[in-house]
Amino acid sequence: MSSSAPRYGIINFDMMKTWFGRAPEQDGPFWSLNLMKYRDVADCGDATARPSGVQL
């Protein structure tokens, strides 16, 4: 992963406003797809090697 890549996802505030602003009669369950890519080894940003969650 390049050093210019974002460390975390970008929040879509406009979409969140629609979720929280819905009238109860329009509210209900929805499908969501997680397309995040996870690292094999944790990157804490301080150049310290950390174990992955599998190793803990």
PDB file of N, CA and C in Angstrom:
ATOM      1  N   MET A   1       0.846  -1.166   0.000  1.00  0.00           N
ATOM      2  CA  MET A   1       0.000   0.000   0.000  1.00  0.00           C
ATOM      3  C   MET A   1       0.892   1.228   0.000  1.00  0.00           C
ATOM      4  N   SER A   2       0.585   2.187  -0.865  1.00  0.00           N
ATOM      5  CA  SER A   2       1.434   3.365  -0.940  1.00  0.00           C
ATOM      6  C   SER A   2       1.225   4.265   0.273  1.00  0.00           C
ATOM      7  N   SER A   3       2.211   5.093   0.529  1.00  0.00           N
ATOM      8  CA  SER A   3       2.118   5.984   1.682  1.00  0.00           C
ATOM      9  C   SER A   3       1.082   7.080   1.475  1.00  0.00           C
ATOM     10  N   SER A   4       0.673   7.337   0.210  1.00  0.00           N
ATOM     11  CA  SER A   4      -0.329   8.368  -0.050  1.00  0.00           C
ATOM     12  C   SER A   4      -1.758   7.823   0.064  1.00  0.00           C
ATOM     13  N   ALA A   5      -1.912   6.523   0.233  1.00  0.00           N
ATOM     14  CA  ALA A   5      -3.244   5.924   0.354  1.00  0.00           C
ATOM     15  C   ALA A   5      -3.867   6.305   1.692  1.00  0.00           C
ATOM     16  N   PRO A   6      -5.183   6.538   1.716  1.00  0.00           N
ATOM     17  CA  PRO A   6      -5.816   6.880   3.001  1.00  0.00           C
ATOM     18  C   PRO A   6      -5.721   5.717   3.980  1.00  0.00           C
ATOM     19  N   ARG A   7      -5.559   6.045   5.253  1.00  0.00           N
ATOM     20  CA  ARG A   7      -5.442   4.999   6.267  1.00  0.00           C
ATOM     21  C   ARG A   7      -6.812   4.414   6.593  1.00  0.00           C
ATOM     22  N   TYR A   8      -7.865   5.198   6.418  1.00  0.00           N
ATOM     23  CA  TYR A   8      -9.214   4.747   6.737  1.00  0.00           C
ATOM     24  C   TYR A   8     -10.148   5.173   5.621  1.00  0.00           C
ATOM     25  N   GLY A   9     -11.346   4.630   5.635  1.00  0.00           N
ATOM     26  CA  GLY A   9     -12.353   5.009   4.655  1.00  0.00           C
ATOM     27  C   GLY A   9     -12.790   6.448   4.824  1.00  0.00           C
ATOM     28  N   ILE A  10     -13.491   6.955   3.823  1.00  0.00           N
ATOM     29  CA  ILE A  10     -13.998   8.317   3.852  1.00  0.00           C
ATOM     30  C   ILE A  10     -15.491   8.263   4.145  1.00  0.00           C
ATOM     31  N   ILE A  11     -15.943   8.995   5.144  1.00  0.00           N
ATOM     32  CA  ILE A  11     -17.344   8.990   5.545  1.00  0.00           C
ATOM     33  C   ILE A  11     -18.172   9.788   4.552  1.00  0.00           C
ATOM     34  N   ASN A  12     -19.276   9.213   4.106  1.00  0.00           N
ATOM     35  CA  ASN A  12     -20.206   9.896   3.221  1.00  0.00           C
ATOM     36  C   ASN A  12     -21.286  10.540   4.094  1.00  0.00           C
ATOM     37  N   PHE A  13     -21.055  11.779   4.494  1.00  0.00           N
ATOM     38  CA  PHE A  13     -21.969  12.466   5.413  1.00  0.00           C
ATOM     39  C   PHE A  13     -23.345  12.701   4.789  1.00  0.00           C
ATOM     40  N   ASP A  14     -23.398  12.938   3.479  1.00  0.00           N
ATOM     41  CA  ASP A  14     -24.695  13.145   2.825  1.00  0.00           C
ATOM     42  C   ASP A  14     -25.565  11.895   2.936  1.00  0.00           C
ATOM     43  N   MET A  15     -24.973  10.722   2.754  1.00  0.00           N
ATOM     44  CA  MET A  15     -25.730   9.478   2.876  1.00  0.00           C
ATOM     45  C   MET A  15     -26.177   9.268   4.323  1.00  0.00           C
ATOM     46  N   MET A  16     -25.299   9.576   5.269  1.00  0.00           N
ATOM     47  CA  MET A  16     -25.667   9.406   6.676  1.00  0.00           C
ATOM     48  C   MET A  16     -26.839  10.304   7.054  1.00  0.00           C
ATOM     49  N   LYS A  17     -26.876  11.525   6.512  1.00  0.00           N
ATOM     50  CA  LYS A  17     -27.990  12.430   6.786  1.00  0.00           C
ATOM     51  C   LYS A  17     -29.311  11.819   6.338  1.00  0.00           C
ATOM     52  N   THR A  18     -29.295  11.111   5.198  1.00  0.00           N
ATOM     53  CA  THR A  18     -30.539  10.485   4.741  1.00  0.00           C
ATOM     54  C   THR A  18     -30.957   9.359   5.678  1.00  0.00           C
ATOM     55  N   TRP A  19     -30.010   8.635   6.245  1.00  0.00           N
ATOM     56  CA  TRP A  19     -30.356   7.557   7.184  1.00  0.00           C
ATOM     57  C   TRP A  19     -31.015   8.110   8.434  1.00  0.00           C
ATOM     58  N   PHE A  20     -30.401   9.149   9.009  1.00  0.00           N
ATOM     59  CA  PHE A  20     -30.890   9.683  10.278  1.00  0.00           C
ATOM     60  C   PHE A  20     -32.096  10.598  10.112  1.00  0.00           C
ATOM     61  N   GLY A  21     -32.318  11.085   8.900  1.00  0.00           N
ATOM     62  CA  GLY A  21     -33.417  12.003   8.680  1.00  0.00           C
ATOM     63  C   GLY A  21     -34.683  11.358   8.135  1.00  0.00           C
ATOM     64  N   ARG A  22     -34.722  10.041   8.045  1.00  0.00           N
ATOM     65  CA  ARG A  22     -35.901   9.366   7.488  1.00  0.00           C
ATOM     66  C   ARG A  22     -37.072   9.372   8.446  1.00  0.00           C
ATOM     67  N   ALA A  23     -38.231   9.520   7.858  1.00  0.00           N
ATOM     68  CA  ALA A  23     -39.462   9.399   8.637  1.00  0.00           C
ATOM     69  C   ALA A  23     -39.648   7.933   9.007  1.00  0.00           C
ATOM     70  N   PRO A  24     -40.253   7.642  10.156  1.00  0.00           N
ATOM     71  CA  PRO A  24     -40.420   6.258  10.597  1.00  0.00           C
ATOM     72  C   PRO A  24     -41.104   5.358   9.557  1.00  0.00           C
ATOM     73  N   GLU A  25     -42.034   5.908   8.786  1.00  0.00           N
ATOM     74  CA  GLU A  25     -42.725   5.075   7.781  1.00  0.00           C
ATOM     75  C   GLU A  25     -41.841   4.756   6.574  1.00  0.00           C
ATOM     76  N   GLN A  26     -40.732   5.486   6.402  1.00  0.00           N
ATOM     77  CA  GLN A  26     -39.781   5.212   5.316  1.00  0.00           C
ATOM     78  C   GLN A  26     -38.565   4.434   5.807  1.00  0.00           C
ATOM     79  N   ASP A  27     -38.455   4.279   7.111  1.00  0.00           N
ATOM     80  CA  ASP A  27     -37.297   3.623   7.698  1.00  0.00           C
ATOM     81  C   ASP A  27     -37.471   2.115   7.636  1.00  0.00           C
ATOM     82  N   GLY A  28     -36.372   1.407   7.603  1.00  0.00           N
ATOM     83  CA  GLY A  28     -36.415  -0.050   7.594  1.00  0.00           C
ATOM     84  C   GLY A  28     -35.026  -0.610   7.354  1.00  0.00           C
ATOM     85  N   PRO A  29     -34.924  -1.913   7.248  1.00  0.00           N
ATOM     86  CA  PRO A  29     -33.613  -2.545   7.028  1.00  0.00           C
ATOM     87  C   PRO A  29     -33.069  -2.214   5.638  1.00  0.00           C
ATOM     88  N   PHE A  30     -31.754  -2.308   5.489  1.00  0.00           N
ATOM     89  CA  PHE A  30     -31.117  -2.094   4.192  1.00  0.00           C
ATOM     90  C   PHE A  30     -29.899  -2.999   4.092  1.00  0.00           C
ATOM     91  N   TRP A  31     -29.476  -3.253   2.872  1.00  0.00           N
ATOM     92  CA  TRP A  31     -28.283  -4.060   2.630  1.00  0.00           C
ATOM     93  C   TRP A  31     -27.068  -3.135   2.590  1.00  0.00           C
ATOM     94  N   SER A  32     -25.956  -3.640   3.090  1.00  0.00           N
ATOM     95  CA  SER A  32     -24.708  -2.901   3.073  1.00  0.00           C
ATOM     96  C   SER A  32     -23.586  -3.868   2.707  1.00  0.00           C
ATOM     97  N   LEU A  33     -22.663  -3.409   1.913  1.00  0.00           N
ATOM     98  CA  LEU A  33     -21.553  -4.237   1.460  1.00  0.00           C
ATOM     99  C   LEU A  33     -20.245  -3.598   1.901  1.00  0.00           C
ATOM    100  N   ASN A  34     -19.442  -4.334   2.640  1.00  0.00           N
ATOM    101  CA  ASN A  34     -18.156  -3.855   3.131  1.00  0.00           C
ATOM    102  C   ASN A  34     -17.084  -4.175   2.096  1.00  0.00           C
ATOM    103  N   LEU A  35     -16.513  -3.159   1.478  1.00  0.00           N
ATOM    104  CA  LEU A  35     -15.464  -3.346   0.478  1.00  0.00           C
ATOM    105  C   LEU A  35     -14.100  -2.900   1.000  1.00  0.00           C
ATOM    106  N   MET A  36     -13.949  -2.887   2.318  1.00  0.00           N
ATOM    107  CA  MET A  36     -12.673  -2.456   2.899  1.00  0.00           C
ATOM    108  C   MET A  36     -11.610  -3.536   2.718  1.00  0.00           C
ATOM    109  N   LYS A  37     -10.388  -3.088   2.559  1.00  0.00           N
ATOM    110  CA  LYS A  37      -9.250  -3.995   2.424  1.00  0.00           C
ATOM    111  C   LYS A  37      -8.452  -3.930   3.721  1.00  0.00           C
ATOM    112  N   TYR A  38      -8.179  -5.069   4.300  1.00  0.00           N
ATOM    113  CA  TYR A  38      -7.468  -5.120   5.574  1.00  0.00           C
ATOM    114  C   TYR A  38      -6.020  -5.530   5.364  1.00  0.00           C
ATOM    115  N   ARG A  39      -5.172  -5.078   6.245  1.00  0.00           N
ATOM    116  CA  ARG A  39      -3.747  -5.387   6.155  1.00  0.00           C
ATOM    117  C   ARG A  39      -3.452  -6.741   6.809  1.00  0.00           C
ATOM    118  N   ASP A  40      -2.421  -7.411   6.309  1.00  0.00           N
ATOM    119  CA  ASP A  40      -1.984  -8.660   6.921  1.00  0.00           C
ATOM    120  C   ASP A  40      -1.364  -8.403   8.291  1.00  0.00           C
ATOM    121  N   VAL A  41      -0.656  -7.284   8.408  1.00  0.00           N
ATOM    122  CA  VAL A  41      -0.021  -6.893   9.666  1.00  0.00           C
ATOM    123  C   VAL A  41      -0.497  -5.490   9.993  1.00  0.00           C
ATOM    124  N   ALA A  42      -0.842  -5.259  11.240  1.00  0.00           N
ATOM    125  CA  ALA A  42      -1.361  -3.960  11.654  1.00  0.00           C
ATOM    126  C   ALA A  42      -0.338  -2.856  11.379  1.00  0.00           C
ATOM    127  N   ASP A  43      -0.829  -1.719  10.910  1.00  0.00           N
ATOM    128  CA  ASP A  43       0.007  -0.549  10.660  1.00  0.00           C
ATOM    129  C   ASP A  43      -0.483   0.553  11.584  1.00  0.00           C
ATOM    130  N   CYS A  44       0.241   0.783  12.658  1.00  0.00           N
ATOM    131  CA  CYS A  44      -0.180   1.761  13.664  1.00  0.00           C
ATOM    132  C   CYS A  44       0.330   3.151  13.362  1.00  0.00           C
ATOM    133  N   GLY A  45       1.067   3.323  12.272  1.00  0.00           N
ATOM    134  CA  GLY A  45       1.533   4.633  11.874  1.00  0.00           C
ATOM    135  C   GLY A  45       2.792   5.101  12.575  1.00  0.00           C
ATOM    136  N   ASP A  46       3.288   4.327  13.511  1.00  0.00           N
ATOM    137  CA  ASP A  46       4.497   4.747  14.233  1.00  0.00           C
ATOM    138  C   ASP A  46       5.693   3.851  13.910  1.00  0.00           C
ATOM    139  N   ALA A  47       5.618   3.127  12.795  1.00  0.00           N
ATOM    140  CA  ALA A  47       6.698   2.250  12.316  1.00  0.00           C
ATOM    141  C   ALA A  47       7.016   1.111  13.279  1.00  0.00           C
ATOM    142  N   THR A  48       6.131   0.823  14.217  1.00  0.00           N
ATOM    143  CA  THR A  48       6.322  -0.288  15.140  1.00  0.00           C
ATOM    144  C   THR A  48       5.594  -1.511  14.587  1.00  0.00           C
ATOM    145  N   ALA A  49       6.283  -2.607  14.453  1.00  0.00           N
ATOM    146  CA  ALA A  49       5.644  -3.830  13.961  1.00  0.00           C
ATOM    147  C   ALA A  49       4.703  -4.364  15.030  1.00  0.00           C
ATOM    148  N   ARG A  50       3.479  -4.649  14.632  1.00  0.00           N
ATOM    149  CA  ARG A  50       2.469  -5.172  15.548  1.00  0.00           C
ATOM    150  C   ARG A  50       1.918  -6.479  14.980  1.00  0.00           C
ATOM    151  N   PRO A  51       1.525  -7.405  15.827  1.00  0.00           N
ATOM    152  CA  PRO A  51       0.948  -8.653  15.320  1.00  0.00           C
ATOM    153  C   PRO A  51      -0.427  -8.402  14.705  1.00  0.00           C
ATOM    154  N   SER A  52      -0.809  -9.279  13.798  1.00  0.00           N
ATOM    155  CA  SER A  52      -2.160  -9.194  13.235  1.00  0.00           C
ATOM    156  C   SER A  52      -3.148  -9.744  14.251  1.00  0.00           C
ATOM    157  N   GLY A  53      -4.434  -9.559  13.993  1.00  0.00           N
ATOM    158  CA  GLY A  53      -5.460 -10.088  14.896  1.00  0.00           C
ATOM    159  C   GLY A  53      -5.432 -11.593  14.970  1.00  0.00           C
ATOM    160  N   VAL A  54      -4.996 -12.246  13.887  1.00  0.00           N
ATOM    161  CA  VAL A  54      -4.908 -13.710  13.864  1.00  0.00           C
ATOM    162  C   VAL A  54      -3.839 -14.190  14.840  1.00  0.00           C
ATOM    163  N   GLN A  55      -2.775 -13.429  15.001  1.00  0.00           N
ATOM    164  CA  GLN A  55      -1.655 -13.833  15.840  1.00  0.00           C
ATOM    165  C   GLN A  55      -1.925 -13.601  17.332  1.00  0.00           C
ATOM    166  N   LEU A  56      -2.905 -12.789  17.657  1.00  0.00           N
ATOM    167  CA  LEU A  56      -3.164 -12.486  19.056  1.00  0.00           C
ATOM    168  C   LEU A  56      -3.916 -13.595  19.758  1.00  0.00           C
TER     169      LEU A  56
END
